[in-house]
PDB file of N, CA and C in Angstrom:
ATOM      1  N   UNK A   1     -13.899  -5.095  19.764  1.00  0.00           N
ATOM      2  CA  UNK A   1     -12.524  -5.602  19.701  1.00  0.00           C
ATOM      3  C   UNK A   1     -12.252  -6.158  18.289  1.00  0.00           C
ATOM      4  N   UNK A   2     -13.224  -6.856  17.719  1.00  0.00           N
ATOM      5  CA  UNK A   2     -13.027  -7.411  16.378  1.00  0.00           C
ATOM      6  C   UNK A   2     -12.829  -6.310  15.345  1.00  0.00           C
ATOM      7  N   UNK A   3     -13.486  -5.150  15.579  1.00  0.00           N
ATOM      8  CA  UNK A   3     -13.347  -4.047  14.630  1.00  0.00           C
ATOM      9  C   UNK A   3     -11.908  -3.558  14.567  1.00  0.00           C
ATOM     10  N   UNK A   4     -11.221  -3.556  15.703  1.00  0.00           N
ATOM     11  CA  UNK A   4      -9.829  -3.073  15.724  1.00  0.00           C
ATOM     12  C   UNK A   4      -8.955  -3.918  14.800  1.00  0.00           C
ATOM     13  N   UNK A   5      -9.118  -5.235  14.870  1.00  0.00           N
ATOM     14  CA  UNK A   5      -8.308  -6.129  14.032  1.00  0.00           C
ATOM     15  C   UNK A   5      -8.604  -5.854  12.559  1.00  0.00           C
ATOM     16  N   UNK A   6      -9.889  -5.690  12.223  1.00  0.00           N
ATOM     17  CA  UNK A   6     -10.263  -5.429  10.828  1.00  0.00           C
ATOM     18  C   UNK A   6      -9.674  -4.110  10.356  1.00  0.00           C
ATOM     19  N   UNK A   7      -9.725  -3.088  11.215  1.00  0.00           N
ATOM     20  CA  UNK A   7      -9.185  -1.776  10.844  1.00  0.00           C
ATOM     21  C   UNK A   7      -7.685  -1.860  10.604  1.00  0.00           C
ATOM     22  N   UNK A   8      -6.969  -2.538  11.484  1.00  0.00           N
ATOM     23  CA  UNK A   8      -5.508  -2.666  11.330  1.00  0.00           C
ATOM     24  C   UNK A   8      -5.187  -3.413  10.036  1.00  0.00           C
ATOM     25  N   UNK A   9      -5.915  -4.486   9.750  1.00  0.00           N
ATOM     26  CA  UNK A   9      -5.662  -5.257   8.529  1.00  0.00           C
ATOM     27  C   UNK A   9      -5.958  -4.401   7.300  1.00  0.00           C
ATOM     28  N   UNK A  10      -7.030  -3.607   7.359  1.00  0.00           N
ATOM     29  CA  UNK A  10      -7.395  -2.752   6.221  1.00  0.00           C
ATOM     30  C   UNK A  10      -6.327  -1.701   5.980  1.00  0.00           C
ATOM     31  N   UNK A  11      -5.864  -1.046   7.058  1.00  0.00           N
ATOM     32  CA  UNK A  11      -4.841   0.001   6.927  1.00  0.00           C
ATOM     33  C   UNK A  11      -3.540  -0.603   6.391  1.00  0.00           C
ATOM     34  N   UNK A  12      -3.149  -1.759   6.901  1.00  0.00           N
ATOM     35  CA  UNK A  12      -1.893  -2.384   6.453  1.00  0.00           C
ATOM     36  C   UNK A  12      -1.992  -2.760   4.972  1.00  0.00           C
ATOM     37  N   UNK A  13      -3.142  -3.271   4.538  1.00  0.00           N
ATOM     38  CA  UNK A  13      -3.299  -3.634   3.124  1.00  0.00           C
ATOM     39  C   UNK A  13      -3.258  -2.390   2.245  1.00  0.00           C
ATOM     40  N   UNK A  14      -3.857  -1.293   2.722  1.00  0.00           N
ATOM     41  CA  UNK A  14      -3.825  -0.042   1.959  1.00  0.00           C
ATOM     42  C   UNK A  14      -2.396   0.462   1.848  1.00  0.00           C
ATOM     43  N   UNK A  15      -1.611   0.367   2.934  1.00  0.00           N
ATOM     44  CA  UNK A  15      -0.211   0.819   2.901  1.00  0.00           C
ATOM     45  C   UNK A  15       0.583  -0.023   1.909  1.00  0.00           C
ATOM     46  N   UNK A  16       0.320  -1.328   1.868  1.00  0.00           N
ATOM     47  CA  UNK A  16       1.037  -2.203   0.928  1.00  0.00           C
ATOM     48  C   UNK A  16       0.683  -1.806  -0.506  1.00  0.00           C
ATOM     49  N   UNK A  17      -0.602  -1.537  -0.770  1.00  0.00           N
ATOM     50  CA  UNK A  17      -1.013  -1.126  -2.117  1.00  0.00           C
ATOM     51  C   UNK A  17      -0.340   0.182  -2.497  1.00  0.00           C
ATOM     52  N   UNK A  18      -0.299   1.144  -1.553  1.00  0.00           N
ATOM     53  CA  UNK A  18       0.357   2.423  -1.822  1.00  0.00           C
ATOM     54  C   UNK A  18       1.827   2.194  -2.149  1.00  0.00           C
ATOM     55  N   UNK A  19       2.493   1.320  -1.416  1.00  0.00           N
ATOM     56  CA  UNK A  19       3.911   1.038  -1.661  1.00  0.00           C
ATOM     57  C   UNK A  19       4.113   0.445  -3.050  1.00  0.00           C
ATOM     58  N   UNK A  20       3.225  -0.465  -3.459  1.00  0.00           N
ATOM     59  CA  UNK A  20       3.354  -1.069  -4.785  1.00  0.00           C
ATOM     60  C   UNK A  20       3.159  -0.019  -5.869  1.00  0.00           C
ATOM     61  N   UNK A  21       2.156   0.843  -5.713  1.00  0.00           N
ATOM     62  CA  UNK A  21       1.891   1.888  -6.713  1.00  0.00           C
ATOM     63  C   UNK A  21       3.070   2.849  -6.796  1.00  0.00           C
ATOM     64  N   UNK A  22       3.580   3.279  -5.623  1.00  0.00           N
ATOM     65  CA  UNK A  22       4.719   4.210  -5.613  1.00  0.00           C
ATOM     66  C   UNK A  22       5.932   3.562  -6.273  1.00  0.00           C
ATOM     67  N   UNK A  23       6.198   2.305  -5.980  1.00  0.00           N
ATOM     68  CA  UNK A  23       7.335   1.606  -6.586  1.00  0.00           C
ATOM     69  C   UNK A  23       7.167   1.510  -8.097  1.00  0.00           C
ATOM     70  N   UNK A  24       5.951   1.226  -8.569  1.00  0.00           N
ATOM     71  CA  UNK A  24       5.697   1.131 -10.007  1.00  0.00           C
ATOM     72  C   UNK A  24       5.925   2.477 -10.680  1.00  0.00           C
ATOM     73  N   UNK A  25       5.436   3.559 -10.056  1.00  0.00           N
ATOM     74  CA  UNK A  25       5.610   4.904 -10.618  1.00  0.00           C
ATOM     75  C   UNK A  25       7.094   5.261 -10.673  1.00  0.00           C
ATOM     76  N   UNK A  26       7.822   4.960  -9.596  1.00  0.00           N
ATOM     77  CA  UNK A  26       9.261   5.269  -9.569  1.00  0.00           C
ATOM     78  C   UNK A  26       9.987   4.504 -10.675  1.00  0.00           C
ATOM     79  N   UNK A  27       9.617   3.239 -10.900  1.00  0.00           N
ATOM     80  CA  UNK A  27      10.257   2.457 -11.962  1.00  0.00           C
ATOM     81  C   UNK A  27       9.963   3.075 -13.325  1.00  0.00           C
ATOM     82  N   UNK A  28       8.727   3.516 -13.555  1.00  0.00           N
ATOM     83  CA  UNK A  28       8.367   4.130 -14.836  1.00  0.00           C
ATOM     84  C   UNK A  28       9.146   5.421 -15.031  1.00  0.00           C
ATOM     85  N   UNK A  29       9.264   6.226 -13.983  1.00  0.00           N
ATOM     86  CA  UNK A  29       9.986   7.499 -14.089  1.00  0.00           C
ATOM     87  C   UNK A  29      11.460   7.235 -14.396  1.00  0.00           C
ATOM     88  N   UNK A  30      12.054   6.239 -13.726  1.00  0.00           N
ATOM     89  CA  UNK A  30      13.466   5.928 -13.963  1.00  0.00           C
ATOM     90  C   UNK A  30      13.649   5.350 -15.367  1.00  0.00           C
ATOM     91  N   UNK A  31      12.655   4.594 -15.836  1.00  0.00           N
ATOM     92  CA  UNK A  31      12.736   4.004 -17.172  1.00  0.00           C
ATOM     93  C   UNK A  31      12.827   5.086 -18.243  1.00  0.00           C
ATOM     94  N   UNK A  32      12.098   6.190 -18.033  1.00  0.00           N
ATOM     95  CA  UNK A  32      12.148   7.294 -18.992  1.00  0.00           C
ATOM     96  C   UNK A  32      13.427   8.071 -18.752  1.00  0.00           C
TER      97      UNK A  32
END
């Protein structure tokens, strides 16, 4: 049961990191 919580937290943190990277790339592309 504890593994499920860790997996969900890991996936959510990865999604947040992906969102930040995508947002940064989009800003750089728009800047050019």
